[in-house]
């Protein structure tokens, strides 16, 4: 396992399960330029480590909506990742959770990406869902 942490984002990578967890600072608005920079870092690590399972922990969102710049970055980079499962942790902000879920679902559907997405209550629930997905399709959960 390794952890990368700065003032705005914490990334934990569990090599054995090929699970990557990202958590942003509660003070960071998704509309800020700093958030966009964390997205660039996130995708660099996902591509470098060939991450298949991602847990997104929004913490207590500081408000805002995903900017066009962030969405465009997702569009340009998510198809070229090895991501297969994205677990979104429920936050205290239902509207934020729904917005993020809808944006990711739309990208997955529109670009025919082989990625499943699920809302979960805890990181443990996310790991359980990843394990179930691996059992359902064992050839797609290759640890790299």
C-alpha atoms as a PDB file:
ATOM      1  CA  UNK A   1       0.000   0.000   0.000  1.00  0.00           C
ATOM      2  CA  UNK A   2       1.171   3.510  -0.633  1.00  0.00           C
ATOM      3  CA  UNK A   3      -0.253   6.898   0.254  1.00  0.00           C
ATOM      4  CA  UNK A   4       0.207  10.231  -1.491  1.00  0.00           C
ATOM      5  CA  UNK A   5      -1.067  13.184   0.481  1.00  0.00           C
ATOM      6  CA  UNK A   6      -1.035  16.954   0.083  1.00  0.00           C
ATOM      7  CA  UNK A   7      -3.224  19.782   1.352  1.00  0.00           C
ATOM      8  CA  UNK A   8      -5.935  19.108  -1.235  1.00  0.00           C
ATOM      9  CA  UNK A   9      -6.070  15.387  -1.976  1.00  0.00           C
ATOM     10  CA  UNK A  10      -5.150  12.050  -0.423  1.00  0.00           C
ATOM     11  CA  UNK A  11      -4.568   8.988  -2.566  1.00  0.00           C
ATOM     12  CA  UNK A  12      -4.265   5.478  -1.190  1.00  0.00           C
ATOM     13  CA  UNK A  13      -3.327   2.557  -3.415  1.00  0.00           C
ATOM     14  CA  UNK A  14      -3.823  -0.996  -2.202  1.00  0.00           C
ATOM     15  CA  UNK A  15      -1.646  -2.983  -4.585  1.00  0.00           C
ATOM     16  CA  UNK A  16      -2.890  -6.471  -3.664  1.00  0.00           C
ATOM     17  CA  UNK A  17      -6.538  -5.609  -4.444  1.00  0.00           C
ATOM     18  CA  UNK A  18      -5.672  -3.040  -7.129  1.00  0.00           C
ATOM     19  CA  UNK A  19      -7.903  -0.544  -5.303  1.00  0.00           C
ATOM     20  CA  UNK A  20      -7.223   3.137  -5.514  1.00  0.00           C
ATOM     21  CA  UNK A  21      -9.005   5.497  -3.084  1.00  0.00           C
ATOM     22  CA  UNK A  22      -9.058   9.241  -3.594  1.00  0.00           C
ATOM     23  CA  UNK A  23     -10.307  11.757  -1.040  1.00  0.00           C
ATOM     24  CA  UNK A  24     -10.334  15.515  -1.471  1.00  0.00           C
ATOM     25  CA  UNK A  25     -10.032  18.176   1.205  1.00  0.00           C
ATOM     26  CA  UNK A  26     -13.425  19.322   2.458  1.00  0.00           C
ATOM     27  CA  UNK A  27     -12.299  22.919   1.876  1.00  0.00           C
ATOM     28  CA  UNK A  28     -11.566  22.417  -1.835  1.00  0.00           C
ATOM     29  CA  UNK A  29     -14.278  23.596  -4.220  1.00  0.00           C
ATOM     30  CA  UNK A  30     -14.687  21.511  -7.366  1.00  0.00           C
ATOM     31  CA  UNK A  31     -14.874  24.764  -9.295  1.00  0.00           C
ATOM     32  CA  UNK A  32     -11.368  25.825  -8.258  1.00  0.00           C
ATOM     33  CA  UNK A  33      -8.250  25.596 -10.423  1.00  0.00           C
ATOM     34  CA  UNK A  34      -6.649  23.522  -7.646  1.00  0.00           C
ATOM     35  CA  UNK A  35      -9.334  20.851  -8.036  1.00  0.00           C
ATOM     36  CA  UNK A  36      -8.604  20.664 -11.762  1.00  0.00           C
ATOM     37  CA  UNK A  37      -4.920  20.124 -10.963  1.00  0.00           C
ATOM     38  CA  UNK A  38      -5.821  17.252  -8.619  1.00  0.00           C
ATOM     39  CA  UNK A  39      -7.807  15.631 -11.444  1.00  0.00           C
ATOM     40  CA  UNK A  40      -4.735  15.775 -13.687  1.00  0.00           C
ATOM     41  CA  UNK A  41      -2.659  14.141 -10.920  1.00  0.00           C
ATOM     42  CA  UNK A  42      -5.350  11.521 -10.323  1.00  0.00           C
ATOM     43  CA  UNK A  43      -5.432  10.422 -13.955  1.00  0.00           C
ATOM     44  CA  UNK A  44      -1.640  10.332 -14.158  1.00  0.00           C
ATOM     45  CA  UNK A  45      -1.516   7.917 -11.222  1.00  0.00           C
ATOM     46  CA  UNK A  46      -4.421   5.821 -12.546  1.00  0.00           C
ATOM     47  CA  UNK A  47      -2.694   5.429 -15.902  1.00  0.00           C
ATOM     48  CA  UNK A  48       0.750   4.800 -14.400  1.00  0.00           C
ATOM     49  CA  UNK A  49      -0.500   2.141 -11.951  1.00  0.00           C
ATOM     50  CA  UNK A  50      -3.085   0.647 -14.329  1.00  0.00           C
ATOM     51  CA  UNK A  51      -5.754   1.019 -11.664  1.00  0.00           C
ATOM     52  CA  UNK A  52      -8.914  -1.022 -12.199  1.00  0.00           C
ATOM     53  CA  UNK A  53     -10.916  -0.235  -9.060  1.00  0.00           C
ATOM     54  CA  UNK A  54     -11.462   3.347  -7.880  1.00  0.00           C
ATOM     55  CA  UNK A  55     -13.175   4.537  -4.707  1.00  0.00           C
ATOM     56  CA  UNK A  56     -14.104   8.227  -4.801  1.00  0.00           C
ATOM     57  CA  UNK A  57     -14.573   9.801  -1.377  1.00  0.00           C
ATOM     58  CA  UNK A  58     -15.912  13.335  -1.711  1.00  0.00           C
ATOM     59  CA  UNK A  59     -15.865  13.874   2.054  1.00  0.00           C
ATOM     60  CA  UNK A  60     -18.037  16.873   2.807  1.00  0.00           C
ATOM     61  CA  UNK A  61     -18.217  18.635  -0.565  1.00  0.00           C
ATOM     62  CA  UNK A  62     -17.475  22.357  -0.462  1.00  0.00           C
ATOM     63  CA  UNK A  63     -20.095  23.087  -3.058  1.00  0.00           C
ATOM     64  CA  UNK A  64     -20.045  23.832  -6.730  1.00  0.00           C
ATOM     65  CA  UNK A  65     -20.536  21.709  -9.803  1.00  0.00           C
ATOM     66  CA  UNK A  66     -18.034  20.000 -12.037  1.00  0.00           C
ATOM     67  CA  UNK A  67     -16.679  22.539 -14.484  1.00  0.00           C
ATOM     68  CA  UNK A  68     -16.657  22.043 -18.228  1.00  0.00           C
ATOM     69  CA  UNK A  69     -12.863  21.917 -18.036  1.00  0.00           C
ATOM     70  CA  UNK A  70     -12.957  18.996 -15.566  1.00  0.00           C
ATOM     71  CA  UNK A  71     -15.627  17.145 -17.559  1.00  0.00           C
ATOM     72  CA  UNK A  72     -13.636  17.611 -20.775  1.00  0.00           C
ATOM     73  CA  UNK A  73     -10.540  16.255 -19.041  1.00  0.00           C
ATOM     74  CA  UNK A  74     -12.538  13.173 -18.016  1.00  0.00           C
ATOM     75  CA  UNK A  75     -13.819  12.757 -21.586  1.00  0.00           C
ATOM     76  CA  UNK A  76     -10.305  12.977 -23.021  1.00  0.00           C
ATOM     77  CA  UNK A  77      -8.635  10.644 -20.509  1.00  0.00           C
ATOM     78  CA  UNK A  78     -11.025   8.115 -18.962  1.00  0.00           C
ATOM     79  CA  UNK A  79     -11.300   5.993 -22.151  1.00  0.00           C
ATOM     80  CA  UNK A  80      -7.544   5.394 -22.013  1.00  0.00           C
ATOM     81  CA  UNK A  81      -7.479   4.044 -18.479  1.00  0.00           C
ATOM     82  CA  UNK A  82      -7.760   0.489 -17.197  1.00  0.00           C
ATOM     83  CA  UNK A  83     -10.619   1.483 -14.860  1.00  0.00           C
ATOM     84  CA  UNK A  84     -13.374  -1.138 -14.631  1.00  0.00           C
ATOM     85  CA  UNK A  85     -15.189  -0.243 -11.393  1.00  0.00           C
ATOM     86  CA  UNK A  86     -15.862   3.099  -9.721  1.00  0.00           C
ATOM     87  CA  UNK A  87     -17.414   3.157  -6.250  1.00  0.00           C
ATOM     88  CA  UNK A  88     -18.728   6.540  -5.120  1.00  0.00           C
ATOM     89  CA  UNK A  89     -18.938   6.929  -1.360  1.00  0.00           C
ATOM     90  CA  UNK A  90     -22.130   8.585  -0.214  1.00  0.00           C
ATOM     91  CA  UNK A  91     -21.492  12.049   1.191  1.00  0.00           C
ATOM     92  CA  UNK A  92     -23.734  14.309   3.288  1.00  0.00           C
ATOM     93  CA  UNK A  93     -24.579  16.204   0.071  1.00  0.00           C
ATOM     94  CA  UNK A  94     -27.091  14.157  -1.938  1.00  0.00           C
ATOM     95  CA  UNK A  95     -27.149  16.681  -4.801  1.00  0.00           C
ATOM     96  CA  UNK A  96     -23.356  16.499  -5.209  1.00  0.00           C
ATOM     97  CA  UNK A  97     -23.426  12.686  -5.122  1.00  0.00           C
ATOM     98  CA  UNK A  98     -26.188  12.596  -7.721  1.00  0.00           C
ATOM     99  CA  UNK A  99     -24.395  15.136  -9.951  1.00  0.00           C
ATOM    100  CA  UNK A 100     -21.135  13.169  -9.890  1.00  0.00           C
ATOM    101  CA  UNK A 101     -22.937   9.855 -10.439  1.00  0.00           C
ATOM    102  CA  UNK A 102     -24.897  11.279 -13.386  1.00  0.00           C
ATOM    103  CA  UNK A 103     -21.814  12.817 -15.029  1.00  0.00           C
ATOM    104  CA  UNK A 104     -19.811   9.588 -14.743  1.00  0.00           C
ATOM    105  CA  UNK A 105     -22.768   7.449 -15.870  1.00  0.00           C
ATOM    106  CA  UNK A 106     -23.283   9.667 -18.901  1.00  0.00           C
ATOM    107  CA  UNK A 107     -19.614   9.413 -19.862  1.00  0.00           C
ATOM    108  CA  UNK A 108     -19.638   5.631 -19.448  1.00  0.00           C
ATOM    109  CA  UNK A 109     -22.788   5.265 -21.546  1.00  0.00           C
ATOM    110  CA  UNK A 110     -21.942   7.857 -24.201  1.00  0.00           C
ATOM    111  CA  UNK A 111     -18.460   6.498 -24.844  1.00  0.00           C
ATOM    112  CA  UNK A 112     -19.394   2.812 -24.353  1.00  0.00           C
ATOM    113  CA  UNK A 113     -16.784   2.407 -21.627  1.00  0.00           C
ATOM    114  CA  UNK A 114     -16.409  -0.987 -19.917  1.00  0.00           C
ATOM    115  CA  UNK A 115     -16.744   0.649 -16.485  1.00  0.00           C
ATOM    116  CA  UNK A 116     -19.337  -0.101 -13.813  1.00  0.00           C
ATOM    117  CA  UNK A 117     -20.321   2.521 -11.253  1.00  0.00           C
ATOM    118  CA  UNK A 118     -21.988   2.080  -7.869  1.00  0.00           C
ATOM    119  CA  UNK A 119     -22.937   4.292  -4.904  1.00  0.00           C
ATOM    120  CA  UNK A 120     -21.702   2.728  -1.651  1.00  0.00           C
ATOM    121  CA  UNK A 121     -21.910   3.647   2.035  1.00  0.00           C
ATOM    122  CA  UNK A 122     -18.293   2.854   3.004  1.00  0.00           C
ATOM    123  CA  UNK A 123     -14.891   1.950   1.564  1.00  0.00           C
ATOM    124  CA  UNK A 124     -15.461  -1.600   2.822  1.00  0.00           C
ATOM    125  CA  UNK A 125     -18.718  -1.792   0.857  1.00  0.00           C
ATOM    126  CA  UNK A 126     -16.803  -0.609  -2.211  1.00  0.00           C
ATOM    127  CA  UNK A 127     -14.178  -3.324  -1.771  1.00  0.00           C
ATOM    128  CA  UNK A 128     -16.935  -5.938  -1.364  1.00  0.00           C
ATOM    129  CA  UNK A 129     -18.575  -4.725  -4.564  1.00  0.00           C
ATOM    130  CA  UNK A 130     -15.215  -4.931  -6.384  1.00  0.00           C
ATOM    131  CA  UNK A 131     -14.768  -8.510  -5.140  1.00  0.00           C
ATOM    132  CA  UNK A 132     -18.263  -9.442  -6.373  1.00  0.00           C
ATOM    133  CA  UNK A 133     -17.521  -7.870  -9.755  1.00  0.00           C
ATOM    134  CA  UNK A 134     -14.274  -9.867  -9.960  1.00  0.00           C
ATOM    135  CA  UNK A 135     -16.151 -13.103  -9.211  1.00  0.00           C
ATOM    136  CA  UNK A 136     -18.737 -12.302 -11.854  1.00  0.00           C
ATOM    137  CA  UNK A 137     -16.033 -11.632 -14.419  1.00  0.00           C
ATOM    138  CA  UNK A 138     -12.700 -12.972 -13.100  1.00  0.00           C
ATOM    139  CA  UNK A 139     -10.768 -12.339 -16.321  1.00  0.00           C
ATOM    140  CA  UNK A 140     -11.267  -8.562 -15.983  1.00  0.00           C
ATOM    141  CA  UNK A 141      -9.722  -8.135 -12.544  1.00  0.00           C
ATOM    142  CA  UNK A 142      -6.059  -8.603 -13.375  1.00  0.00           C
ATOM    143  CA  UNK A 143      -3.709  -7.077 -10.849  1.00  0.00           C
ATOM    144  CA  UNK A 144      -1.011  -5.192 -12.707  1.00  0.00           C
END
